[in-house]
Protein backbone atom coordinates (compact mmCIF):
# COMPACT_ATOMS: atom_id res chain seq x y z
CA MET A 1 -0.21 0.48 -0.24
CA LYS A 2 1.20 3.36 -0.92
CA LYS A 3 1.94 6.26 1.68
CA GLU A 4 -0.11 8.87 1.38
CA VAL A 5 1.49 12.42 1.72
CA LYS A 6 -0.59 15.19 3.20
CA ILE A 7 -0.61 18.73 1.36
CA PRO A 8 -1.98 21.31 3.47
CA LEU A 9 -4.92 23.59 1.68
CA PHE A 10 -2.48 26.40 2.34
CA TRP A 11 0.35 25.07 0.01
CA LYS A 12 -2.24 23.59 -2.57
CA PHE A 13 -2.95 26.70 -2.87
CA THR A 14 0.19 28.34 -2.90
CA ILE A 15 1.18 25.52 -5.80
CA ALA A 16 -1.96 26.19 -7.73
CA ILE A 17 -1.20 30.03 -7.69
CA ALA A 18 2.60 30.05 -7.92
CA GLY A 19 2.33 27.68 -10.84
CA THR A 20 -0.62 29.93 -12.30
CA VAL A 21 1.50 33.17 -11.88
CA ALA A 22 4.68 31.46 -13.27
CA LEU A 23 2.74 30.26 -16.41
CA PHE A 24 1.46 33.44 -16.95
CA GLY A 25 5.00 35.10 -16.80
CA ILE A 26 7.21 32.58 -18.68
CA ILE A 27 4.62 33.04 -21.76
CA ASN A 28 4.39 36.24 -21.11
CA LEU A 29 8.10 36.82 -21.04
CA TYR A 30 7.99 34.72 -24.22
CA LEU A 31 6.15 37.43 -25.89
CA ILE A 32 8.53 39.85 -24.77
CA ASN A 33 11.60 38.59 -25.73
CA TYR A 34 10.38 36.71 -29.09
CA ALA A 35 7.31 38.59 -30.49
CA VAL A 36 8.41 42.24 -29.35
CA TYR A 37 11.50 41.36 -30.61
CA ASP A 38 10.09 40.42 -33.74
CA LEU A 39 8.29 43.53 -33.67
CA PHE A 40 11.32 45.79 -33.12
CA GLU A 41 13.32 44.29 -35.61
CA ILE A 42 10.60 44.86 -38.40
CA GLU A 43 10.76 48.21 -36.82
CA LEU A 44 14.36 48.73 -37.06
CA THR A 45 14.56 47.35 -40.73
CA ARG A 46 11.88 49.93 -41.65
CA HIS A 47 13.63 52.97 -40.55
CA GLY A 48 16.95 51.26 -41.95
CA LYS A 49 15.28 50.92 -45.28
CA ASN A 50 13.93 54.71 -45.32
CA THR A 51 16.96 56.00 -44.74
CA ALA A 52 19.33 54.62 -46.62
CA THR A 53 16.37 54.91 -49.64
CA SER A 54 16.65 58.62 -48.95
CA ILE A 55 19.97 58.70 -48.63
CA ALA A 56 20.29 56.73 -52.47
CA GLU A 57 18.09 59.12 -53.91
CA ARG A 58 20.03 62.67 -52.94
CA SER A 59 23.34 60.56 -53.37
CA ILE A 60 22.11 60.18 -57.53
CA ASP A 61 23.14 63.40 -58.68
CA PRO A 62 26.36 64.02 -56.43
CA ILE A 63 27.21 60.58 -58.12
CA VAL A 64 26.59 61.62 -61.73
CA TYR A 65 28.86 64.74 -61.58
CA ASN A 66 31.61 63.42 -59.48
CA ASP A 67 30.56 65.76 -56.40
CA LEU A 68 31.98 63.53 -53.49
CA ALA A 69 31.93 66.93 -51.11
CA THR A 70 28.33 66.83 -51.33
CA LEU A 71 28.01 62.84 -51.03
CA ASN A 72 30.18 63.05 -48.31
CA ARG A 73 27.65 66.40 -46.30
CA ILE A 74 24.80 63.50 -47.11
CA VAL A 75 26.07 61.05 -45.08
CA ASN A 76 27.08 63.04 -42.28
CA ASP A 77 24.55 65.19 -41.66
CA GLN A 78 22.13 61.89 -42.09
CA LYS A 79 24.11 60.02 -39.29
CA ARG A 80 24.53 63.34 -37.06
CA ILE A 81 20.67 63.77 -36.44
CA ASP A 82 20.02 60.18 -36.16
CA SER A 83 21.61 58.73 -33.02
CA THR A 84 20.57 55.01 -34.16
CA ILE A 85 23.09 55.51 -37.46
CA VAL A 86 26.42 53.97 -36.63
CA TYR A 87 27.91 53.87 -39.85
CA ILE A 88 26.78 55.43 -43.63
CA PHE A 89 28.98 54.82 -46.43
CA ILE A 90 28.60 55.18 -50.39
CA LEU A 91 30.17 52.40 -52.53
CA ASN A 92 29.64 52.90 -56.85
CA LYS A 93 29.11 49.77 -59.14
CA ASN A 94 32.76 48.81 -58.64
CA ASN A 95 32.65 48.40 -54.69
CA LYS A 96 35.09 51.65 -54.74
CA VAL A 97 34.01 53.99 -51.63
CA LEU A 98 32.74 57.14 -52.67
CA ALA A 99 31.99 58.57 -49.27
CA HIS A 100 31.47 56.97 -45.55
CA THR A 101 31.09 58.63 -41.30
CA PHE A 102 33.66 56.56 -40.23
CA GLU A 103 37.03 58.47 -38.82
CA GLN A 104 39.57 57.04 -41.13
CA THR A 105 38.71 54.16 -43.91
CA VAL A 106 35.85 51.96 -44.57
CA PRO A 107 36.90 48.03 -43.38
CA ALA A 108 37.65 46.21 -45.69
CA GLU A 109 35.49 43.14 -44.62
CA LEU A 110 32.46 45.31 -44.00
CA ILE A 111 32.40 46.48 -47.21
CA THR A 112 31.93 42.68 -48.53
CA ALA A 113 30.08 41.57 -46.21
CA ASN A 114 26.89 42.54 -46.87
CA ALA A 115 27.14 42.54 -51.06
CA LEU A 116 24.06 42.80 -53.55
CA GLY A 117 23.41 40.54 -55.61
CA PRO A 118 22.61 42.07 -59.54
CA ALA A 119 18.29 40.93 -58.57
CA ASN A 120 18.58 42.53 -55.19
CA LYS A 121 16.64 45.66 -54.40
CA PHE A 122 17.49 45.57 -50.60
CA SER A 123 19.81 43.09 -48.10
CA SER A 124 19.96 43.03 -44.30
CA ILE A 125 21.82 41.08 -41.80
CA GLU A 126 23.41 41.39 -38.03
CA ILE A 127 27.21 42.20 -37.83
CA ARG A 128 28.73 41.72 -34.47
CA ARG A 129 31.37 44.67 -33.34
CA LYS A 130 34.51 43.65 -32.05
CA HIS A 131 35.08 45.68 -29.46
CA LYS A 132 31.59 45.21 -28.53
CA GLN A 133 31.02 41.73 -28.43
CA GLU A 134 27.65 42.23 -26.76
CA SER A 135 26.82 45.18 -29.53
CA THR A 136 25.19 43.59 -32.73
CA ILE A 137 24.60 45.98 -35.92
CA ARG A 138 21.72 46.12 -38.09
CA ASP A 139 23.58 46.31 -41.57
CA MET A 140 21.53 46.97 -45.03
CA ALA A 141 21.88 47.96 -48.13
CA ILE A 142 20.12 49.59 -51.20
CA PRO A 143 20.75 49.94 -54.50
CA ILE A 144 21.44 53.59 -56.06
CA LEU A 145 19.25 53.53 -59.77
CA ASP A 146 18.87 49.84 -60.00
CA GLY A 147 22.54 49.67 -58.82
CA ASN A 148 23.49 50.87 -61.45
CA LEU A 149 25.46 54.10 -59.87
CA GLY A 150 26.50 51.85 -56.70
CA THR A 151 25.00 50.88 -53.16
CA VAL A 152 23.82 53.15 -49.64
CA ARG A 153 25.21 51.14 -46.94
CA ILE A 154 23.79 51.82 -43.27
CA GLY A 155 24.46 50.18 -40.16
CA LEU A 156 22.01 50.71 -37.58
CA CYS A 157 22.69 49.86 -33.85
CA GLU A 158 20.27 47.43 -32.27
CA GLU A 159 21.55 47.84 -28.57
CA ASP A 160 19.09 50.64 -27.54
CA TYR A 161 15.81 48.07 -28.69
CA ILE A 162 17.73 45.46 -26.91
CA LYS A 163 17.87 47.71 -24.01
CA SER A 164 14.45 48.83 -24.31
CA ILE A 165 12.93 45.16 -24.74
CA ASN A 166 15.44 44.00 -21.71
CA ARG A 167 13.91 46.81 -19.42
CA THR A 168 10.72 45.81 -20.42
CA SER A 169 11.25 42.20 -19.03
CA ARG A 170 12.58 43.27 -15.85
CA ILE A 171 9.48 45.17 -15.25
CA PHE A 172 7.08 42.40 -16.07
CA LEU A 173 9.75 40.35 -14.28
CA LEU A 174 9.11 42.08 -11.03
CA MET A 175 5.36 42.75 -11.93
CA VAL A 176 5.41 38.42 -11.76
CA ILE A 177 7.27 38.62 -8.33
CA LEU A 178 4.81 41.35 -6.81
CA PHE A 179 1.68 38.94 -8.02
CA LEU A 180 3.56 35.91 -6.81
CA ILE A 181 4.19 37.25 -3.54
CA PHE A 182 0.28 38.51 -3.55
CA GLY A 183 -0.66 35.91 -4.62
CA ILE A 184 0.71 33.38 -1.79
CA MET A 185 -0.34 35.96 0.88
CA GLY A 186 -3.97 35.62 -1.14
CA ALA A 187 -3.41 31.99 -0.30
CA PHE A 188 -2.62 32.50 3.17
CA PHE A 189 -5.52 33.90 3.55
CA PHE A 190 -8.34 32.23 1.81
CA SER A 191 -6.57 29.07 3.06
CA TYR A 192 -7.51 29.89 6.71
CA ILE A 193 -10.96 31.51 5.83
CA ILE A 194 -11.80 27.65 4.28
CA THR A 195 -9.45 25.64 6.18
CA ASN A 196 -10.16 26.96 9.79
CA PRO A 197 -14.14 25.94 9.76
CA ILE A 198 -13.02 22.36 8.40
CA LYS A 199 -10.15 22.18 11.13
CA GLU A 200 -12.47 23.23 13.40
CA ILE A 201 -14.95 20.50 12.03
CA SER A 202 -12.43 18.15 12.07
CA ASN A 203 -11.26 18.23 15.23
CA PHE A 204 -14.63 18.47 17.06
CA ALA A 205 -15.49 15.30 14.70
CA LYS A 206 -12.40 13.43 16.31
CA ASN A 207 -13.39 14.19 19.98
CA ILE A 208 -16.79 13.34 19.56
CA GLU A 209 -18.07 11.09 22.14
CA LEU A 210 -21.46 9.71 21.14
CA ASP A 211 -22.29 9.05 25.29
CA SER A 212 -22.00 12.60 25.73
CA LEU A 213 -22.77 14.12 23.07
CA ASP A 214 -25.04 17.46 23.62
CA VAL A 215 -23.83 20.04 21.29
CA GLN A 216 -26.66 21.77 19.18
CA ASN A 217 -26.59 22.73 16.19
CA THR A 218 -26.69 26.56 16.92
CA ASP A 219 -24.14 26.20 19.46
CA PHE A 220 -22.09 24.18 16.49
CA GLU A 221 -22.22 26.82 14.54
CA THR A 222 -21.00 29.61 16.81
CA ILE A 223 -18.56 27.21 17.84
CA ILE A 224 -17.25 27.22 14.05
CA ASN A 225 -17.76 30.58 13.43
CA SER A 226 -15.98 32.04 16.32
CA SER A 227 -12.73 32.93 14.62
CA GLU A 228 -11.87 36.91 13.67
CA LEU A 229 -11.07 36.15 10.28
CA VAL A 230 -14.02 33.98 9.84
CA LYS A 231 -16.04 37.40 11.24
CA TRP A 232 -16.09 39.51 8.64
CA LYS A 233 -17.64 37.73 6.22
CA ASN A 234 -20.70 37.19 8.41
CA LEU A 235 -20.31 41.26 8.60
CA LEU A 236 -21.37 41.09 4.90
CA ASN A 237 -24.52 38.91 5.32
CA THR A 238 -22.70 36.27 2.84
CA ASN A 239 -22.80 32.82 2.73
CA ASP A 240 -20.94 30.07 0.57
CA GLU A 241 -20.25 26.69 0.39
CA ILE A 242 -18.30 27.03 3.66
CA ASP A 243 -21.42 28.11 5.88
CA GLU A 244 -23.64 24.96 4.24
CA LEU A 245 -21.08 22.85 4.76
CA ILE A 246 -21.11 23.88 8.88
CA SER A 247 -24.81 24.22 8.67
CA SER A 248 -25.18 20.76 7.47
CA PHE A 249 -22.55 19.00 9.72
CA GLY A 250 -24.17 20.86 12.78
CA GLY A 251 -27.43 19.22 11.58
CA MET A 252 -25.70 16.04 10.98
CA VAL A 253 -24.24 16.33 15.16
CA SER A 254 -27.72 17.06 16.31
CA ARG A 255 -29.48 14.29 14.14
CA LEU A 256 -26.43 12.19 15.78
CA ARG A 257 -27.67 12.54 18.66
CA ASN A 258 -30.95 11.57 18.49
CA THR A 259 -29.95 9.01 16.49
CA TYR A 260 -27.53 7.85 19.23
CA ALA A 261 -30.58 8.43 21.77
CA GLU A 262 -32.86 6.26 20.09
CA LEU A 263 -30.09 3.49 19.88
CA GLN A 264 -29.54 3.44 23.34
CA LYS A 265 -33.71 2.38 23.78
CA ALA A 266 -33.15 0.07 21.61
CA GLN A 267 -29.93 -1.63 22.95
CA ASN A 268 -31.20 -1.38 26.62
CA SER A 269 -34.24 -3.36 25.63
CA LEU A 270 -32.41 -5.86 23.52
CA PHE A 271 -30.01 -6.35 26.64
CA GLN A 272 -33.53 -6.46 28.66
CA SER A 273 -34.80 -8.59 26.15
CA GLU A 274 -31.40 -11.15 25.92
CA LYS A 275 -31.68 -11.24 29.88
CA MET A 276 -35.56 -12.76 29.87
CA ALA A 277 -34.32 -14.91 27.19
CA ALA A 278 -31.94 -16.63 29.75
CA LEU A 279 -34.01 -16.11 32.83
CA GLY A 280 -36.86 -18.38 30.47
CA THR A 281 -34.22 -21.19 30.12
CA LEU A 282 -33.87 -21.03 33.63
CA SER A 283 -37.53 -20.97 34.82
CA ALA A 284 -37.30 -24.78 35.15
CA GLY A 285 -34.43 -24.99 38.00
CA LEU A 286 -35.92 -21.92 39.49
CA ALA A 287 -39.05 -23.54 40.07
CA HIS A 288 -37.22 -26.61 41.43
CA GLU A 289 -35.26 -24.44 43.74
CA ILE A 290 -37.90 -22.53 45.39
CA ASN A 291 -40.69 -26.04 45.25
CA ASN A 292 -38.26 -28.06 47.32
CA PRO A 293 -37.88 -25.45 50.31
CA ILE A 294 -41.77 -25.09 50.12
CA ALA A 295 -42.35 -29.21 50.31
CA GLY A 296 -40.21 -29.10 53.45
CA MET A 297 -42.01 -26.33 54.61
CA GLN A 298 -45.36 -28.08 54.14
CA SER A 299 -44.01 -31.45 55.99
CA CYS A 300 -42.82 -29.00 58.81
CA ILE A 301 -46.12 -27.72 59.38
CA ARG A 302 -47.67 -30.89 58.99
CA ARG A 303 -45.64 -32.47 61.85
CA LEU A 304 -46.34 -29.63 63.96
CA LYS A 305 -50.17 -29.46 63.98
CA GLU A 306 -49.81 -33.22 64.32
CA SER A 307 -47.35 -33.10 68.03
CA PRO A 308 -48.39 -29.41 68.47
CA ASP A 309 -46.91 -29.82 72.52
CA ASN A 310 -43.34 -31.19 71.69
CA LEU A 311 -41.28 -28.46 72.25
CA LYS A 312 -38.14 -29.82 71.15
CA GLN A 313 -39.15 -31.35 68.06
CA ASN A 314 -41.01 -28.19 67.45
CA ILE A 315 -38.54 -26.21 67.68
CA SER A 316 -36.49 -28.40 65.32
CA TYR A 317 -38.95 -28.00 62.83
CA LEU A 318 -38.99 -24.43 63.28
CA GLU A 319 -35.28 -23.78 62.62
CA LEU A 320 -35.82 -26.30 59.18
CA MET A 321 -38.62 -23.79 58.00
CA GLU A 322 -36.50 -20.66 59.15
CA ASP A 323 -33.58 -22.23 56.55
CA ALA A 324 -36.17 -22.73 53.85
CA VAL A 325 -37.57 -19.38 53.88
CA SER A 326 -34.12 -18.15 53.91
CA LYS A 327 -33.21 -20.17 50.68
CA ILE A 328 -36.61 -19.33 49.29
CA GLU A 329 -35.95 -15.57 49.60
CA LYS A 330 -32.11 -15.81 48.56
CA VAL A 331 -33.33 -17.51 45.48
CA VAL A 332 -36.34 -14.80 44.56
CA GLY A 333 -33.98 -11.91 45.68
CA GLY A 334 -31.42 -13.30 43.19
CA LEU A 335 -33.91 -13.35 40.35
CA LEU A 336 -35.66 -10.23 41.19
CA HIS A 337 -31.90 -8.34 41.13
CA PHE A 338 -31.15 -10.15 37.86
CA SER A 339 -34.51 -9.65 36.08
CA ARG A 340 -34.78 -5.59 36.80
CA LYS A 341 -33.56 -2.78 34.21
CA PRO A 342 -31.15 -1.03 35.64
CA GLU A 343 -29.20 1.81 34.20
CA MET A 344 -25.49 1.17 33.27
CA GLU A 345 -24.17 2.10 36.91
CA PHE A 346 -20.29 1.71 37.08
CA LYS A 347 -19.28 1.40 40.69
CA GLU A 348 -16.20 -0.90 42.49
CA VAL A 349 -17.67 -4.85 42.34
CA ASN A 350 -16.34 -7.81 43.52
CA LEU A 351 -15.89 -10.05 40.39
CA LEU A 352 -16.04 -13.46 42.56
CA GLU A 353 -19.49 -12.20 43.67
CA ILE A 354 -20.91 -11.88 40.34
CA VAL A 355 -19.50 -15.53 39.54
CA GLU A 356 -21.62 -16.73 42.56
CA SER A 357 -24.40 -14.83 41.73
CA VAL A 358 -24.95 -16.79 38.66
CA LEU A 359 -23.70 -20.00 39.50
CA LEU A 360 -26.83 -19.71 41.93
CA LEU A 361 -29.14 -18.98 39.79
CA THR A 362 -27.82 -22.13 37.40
CA ALA A 363 -27.60 -24.41 40.32
CA TYR A 364 -30.52 -26.66 39.11
CA ARG A 365 -29.17 -26.86 35.23
CA LEU A 366 -25.97 -27.55 36.16
CA GLU A 367 -27.00 -30.48 38.83
CA LYS A 368 -29.49 -31.38 36.12
CA SER A 369 -26.72 -32.27 33.53
CA ARG A 370 -24.47 -33.29 35.88
CA ILE A 371 -21.84 -30.92 35.24
CA THR A 372 -18.88 -30.08 37.64
CA ILE A 373 -17.68 -26.49 38.12
CA SER A 374 -13.79 -26.00 38.90
CA LYS A 375 -12.16 -22.86 39.74
CA SER A 376 -8.43 -21.84 39.87
CA TYR A 377 -9.08 -18.46 41.63
CA SER A 378 -8.64 -17.88 45.64
CA ASN A 379 -11.98 -16.57 47.37
CA GLU A 380 -9.74 -12.82 48.06
CA PRO A 381 -11.90 -10.12 47.03
CA VAL A 382 -10.87 -8.94 43.07
CA ILE A 383 -12.30 -5.72 42.67
CA ILE A 384 -13.03 -4.22 39.24
CA SER A 385 -15.37 -1.21 38.46
CA ALA A 386 -18.67 -2.17 36.53
CA SER A 387 -22.22 -2.18 36.31
CA THR A 388 -23.25 -5.19 38.72
CA ASN A 389 -26.24 -6.29 36.70
CA HIS A 390 -25.08 -5.82 33.08
CA MET A 391 -22.14 -7.91 34.34
CA GLU A 392 -24.12 -10.90 35.24
CA GLN A 393 -25.71 -10.96 32.16
CA VAL A 394 -22.38 -11.31 30.45
CA VAL A 395 -21.71 -14.02 32.66
CA LEU A 396 -24.84 -16.11 33.00
CA ASN A 397 -24.88 -15.46 29.03
CA LEU A 398 -21.33 -17.58 28.90
CA VAL A 399 -22.38 -20.26 31.37
CA LEU A 400 -25.69 -20.80 30.04
CA ASN A 401 -23.75 -20.91 26.63
CA SER A 402 -21.21 -23.88 27.90
CA ILE A 403 -23.99 -25.71 29.28
CA ASP A 404 -25.80 -26.14 26.23
CA ALA A 405 -22.51 -26.93 24.32
CA ILE A 406 -22.11 -29.68 26.56
CA GLU A 407 -25.32 -31.00 26.64
CA GLU A 408 -25.36 -31.23 22.57
CA LYS A 409 -22.05 -33.08 23.07
CA LYS A 410 -23.81 -35.58 25.30
CA MET A 411 -25.97 -36.13 22.45
CA TYR A 412 -23.09 -37.36 20.69
CA GLU A 413 -21.55 -38.75 23.63
CA PRO A 414 -24.15 -39.95 26.50
CA GLU A 415 -21.33 -40.75 28.87
CA HIS A 416 -19.76 -37.64 28.48
CA SER A 417 -18.71 -35.57 31.65
CA GLY A 418 -19.52 -32.17 31.47
CA LYS A 419 -17.24 -29.63 32.91
CA ILE A 420 -16.93 -25.78 33.54
CA HIS A 421 -13.58 -24.24 35.01
CA PHE A 422 -13.17 -20.69 35.93
CA ASP A 423 -9.88 -18.61 36.65
CA ILE A 424 -9.58 -14.85 36.99
CA PHE A 425 -6.07 -13.87 36.91
CA GLU A 426 -3.98 -10.15 35.78
CA HIS A 427 -2.79 -9.61 33.27
CA GLY A 428 -1.15 -6.48 32.38
CA ASN A 429 -2.99 -3.88 33.53
CA SER A 430 -5.98 -5.59 33.32
CA ILE A 431 -8.23 -8.56 35.18
CA GLU A 432 -9.58 -11.57 32.72
CA LEU A 433 -12.21 -14.13 33.81
CA GLU A 434 -11.78 -16.91 32.01
CA ILE A 435 -14.65 -19.35 31.26
CA SER A 436 -13.85 -22.80 29.82
CA ASP A 437 -16.03 -25.50 28.94
CA ASN A 438 -15.39 -29.09 27.38
CA GLY A 439 -18.62 -29.21 25.15
CA ILE A 440 -18.83 -29.43 21.48
CA GLY A 441 -17.11 -26.42 21.09
CA VAL A 442 -17.26 -24.14 17.87
CA PRO A 443 -15.51 -24.83 14.21
CA GLU A 444 -11.81 -22.92 13.98
CA ASP A 445 -13.23 -21.25 10.80
CA ASN A 446 -16.15 -19.08 13.14
CA LEU A 447 -14.44 -18.66 16.01
CA ASN A 448 -14.09 -15.31 14.99
CA ASP A 449 -17.71 -14.92 13.91
CA ILE A 450 -19.61 -16.00 17.13
CA PHE A 451 -19.76 -12.62 19.00
CA ASP A 452 -21.44 -11.23 15.28
CA PRO A 453 -25.20 -10.81 15.71
CA PHE A 454 -27.40 -13.64 14.64
CA PHE A 455 -24.68 -16.03 14.33
CA THR A 456 -25.65 -19.34 16.38
CA HIS A 457 -24.54 -23.31 16.41
CA LYS A 458 -26.93 -24.41 18.81
CA LYS A 459 -28.87 -27.11 18.16
CA VAL A 460 -30.32 -28.34 21.73
CA ARG A 461 -32.48 -25.29 21.54
CA GLN A 462 -32.71 -22.81 18.99
CA GLY A 463 -30.88 -19.22 19.77
CA THR A 464 -31.30 -15.76 18.92
CA GLY A 465 -27.83 -15.23 18.19
CA LEU A 466 -27.75 -12.19 19.99
CA GLY A 467 -26.76 -13.37 22.98
CA LEU A 468 -22.47 -13.14 22.94
CA SER A 469 -23.48 -10.22 20.36
CA VAL A 470 -25.13 -8.25 23.78
CA CYS A 471 -22.21 -9.73 25.56
CA TYR A 472 -19.55 -7.90 23.24
CA SER A 473 -21.57 -4.93 23.47
CA ILE A 474 -21.76 -5.14 27.31
CA VAL A 475 -17.89 -5.52 28.14
CA GLU A 476 -17.35 -3.18 25.01
CA GLN A 477 -18.94 -0.50 27.32
CA HIS A 478 -17.05 -1.79 30.26
CA LYS A 479 -14.00 -0.69 28.51
CA GLY A 480 -12.74 -4.32 28.18
CA SER A 481 -12.63 -6.84 25.03
CA PHE A 482 -12.85 -10.41 24.72
CA ARG A 483 -10.35 -13.38 22.83
CA SER A 484 -12.04 -17.08 22.66
CA GLU A 485 -9.85 -20.36 21.21
CA ILE A 486 -10.24 -23.71 21.00
CA ASN A 487 -8.97 -25.33 24.19
CA LYS A 488 -7.27 -28.73 24.95
CA GLU A 489 -10.31 -30.67 25.30
CA GLY A 490 -11.96 -29.29 22.40
CA GLY A 491 -14.29 -27.14 24.35
CA LEU A 492 -14.41 -23.40 24.05
CA SER A 493 -12.65 -20.94 26.36
CA ILE A 494 -13.77 -17.54 26.34
CA TYR A 495 -11.17 -14.44 28.20
CA ILE A 496 -13.10 -11.51 29.56
CA SER A 497 -10.43 -8.34 29.39
CA LEU A 498 -11.46 -5.70 31.89
CA PRO A 499 -9.45 -2.81 33.07
CA LYS A 500 -8.46 -2.50 36.36
CA PRO A 501 -9.69 0.46 38.44
CA HIS A 502 -6.49 0.64 40.95
CA LYS A 503 -3.50 -1.72 41.92
CA ASN A 504 -5.64 -4.52 42.82
CA LYS A 505 -3.39 -7.85 44.92
CA LYS A 506 -1.97 -10.26 42.16
CA ILE A 507 -4.23 -12.87 41.82
CA ASN A 508 -2.47 -15.04 39.59
CA ASN A 509 0.33 -14.56 36.69
CA LYS A 510 -0.32 -16.42 33.02
């Protein structure tokens, strides 16, 4: 999987703006350096051609009359009034210099540098100065009277044009840099305007605790719009997509709060339904636990009626009746405590008492199925932070599942001796409760599915498939976790891990 690269919105804005300005600058610099240069070159050629043509027309008579003084005056006057002219010289048809503007003589290599052919009416070439390599001269040749009298050569300096182009390029480059600076400032400003609400929404979403979600839509919008740089927009009474996002997210938070409240109600109902279903499976055993003491009490009452004067015997019967009432009270009290619908209220409780309470409720079924209970922990209290009633529901569901698994295995192996083993030990910063059985077990491929809603392998009694799912939800609300494995006897071992509320006395190490 490729590693994702996080690029903040500010840098995306900056890259986009810088790229746009740079592209705009490159295109325009190209236009300046090439298109504008071509325009200047055309203008320079036109100017040189017109000047050379004018000189050629004025030189006809002086050449015909061999008036060299007039020719020299024409070329020198023209050079004096035009600062772009570097030199002018006139050649006869035999390429002999008749007049020039040089201080001494015309360089021989210059005379032949731009020679006109018989059919040429105009010629233009670039010549670089030897003493100024950075300077270029545009040399142009115009025939005098179609070349019958000679040629006018004129050299124009391109340096001023190039300086003008470079000056324009520098000015434009400075403008590009300024645009880039202002663009980055604008990117920072607008990215802050956009990203600040988004960051607030992101932070708010990350810190949402569903069980304490009480922020209203209007409160949320107030939190998001509290930034000073965002308030100016509200003063203008303008709305955009960010405002719609804030409003929509606030509405979603409100709907989430209402939906979570409804979900909690449904979950509590599901918890209670599963609890009542578990009690239904215990009804026969609970009736037995109550009927036996009642039968004993009836026998004692009959004996009291038969021998009302036998004081010693009557005291003994009264003690037996008192024990029977106490047993009934204990069973009924445990039943009422388990069946009530409490809120999830966390307090410090003894995990051993929760286990013993569940074993009392399931005593008849364990006895009827001839299941042996074994424990590997001592009787010293193990304190956890839990909702007692909900944790009893978790342990009860697991014990009933173990009983069902053992009974199902007995369908195939009638002589099978059922066992359920309990152990409590420390594991890091957690307390773990182990409940293991030697029942029918679960296929290893389905081991990770047993906590999924509606998943069941029961055949003894058709289950809803919600028991372990409810247990998982309860343990998750206790900040705990489940893990399960196939044990060496082929049954299922389930471990409930719960965080320690404080430093507990060491129970067992595994």
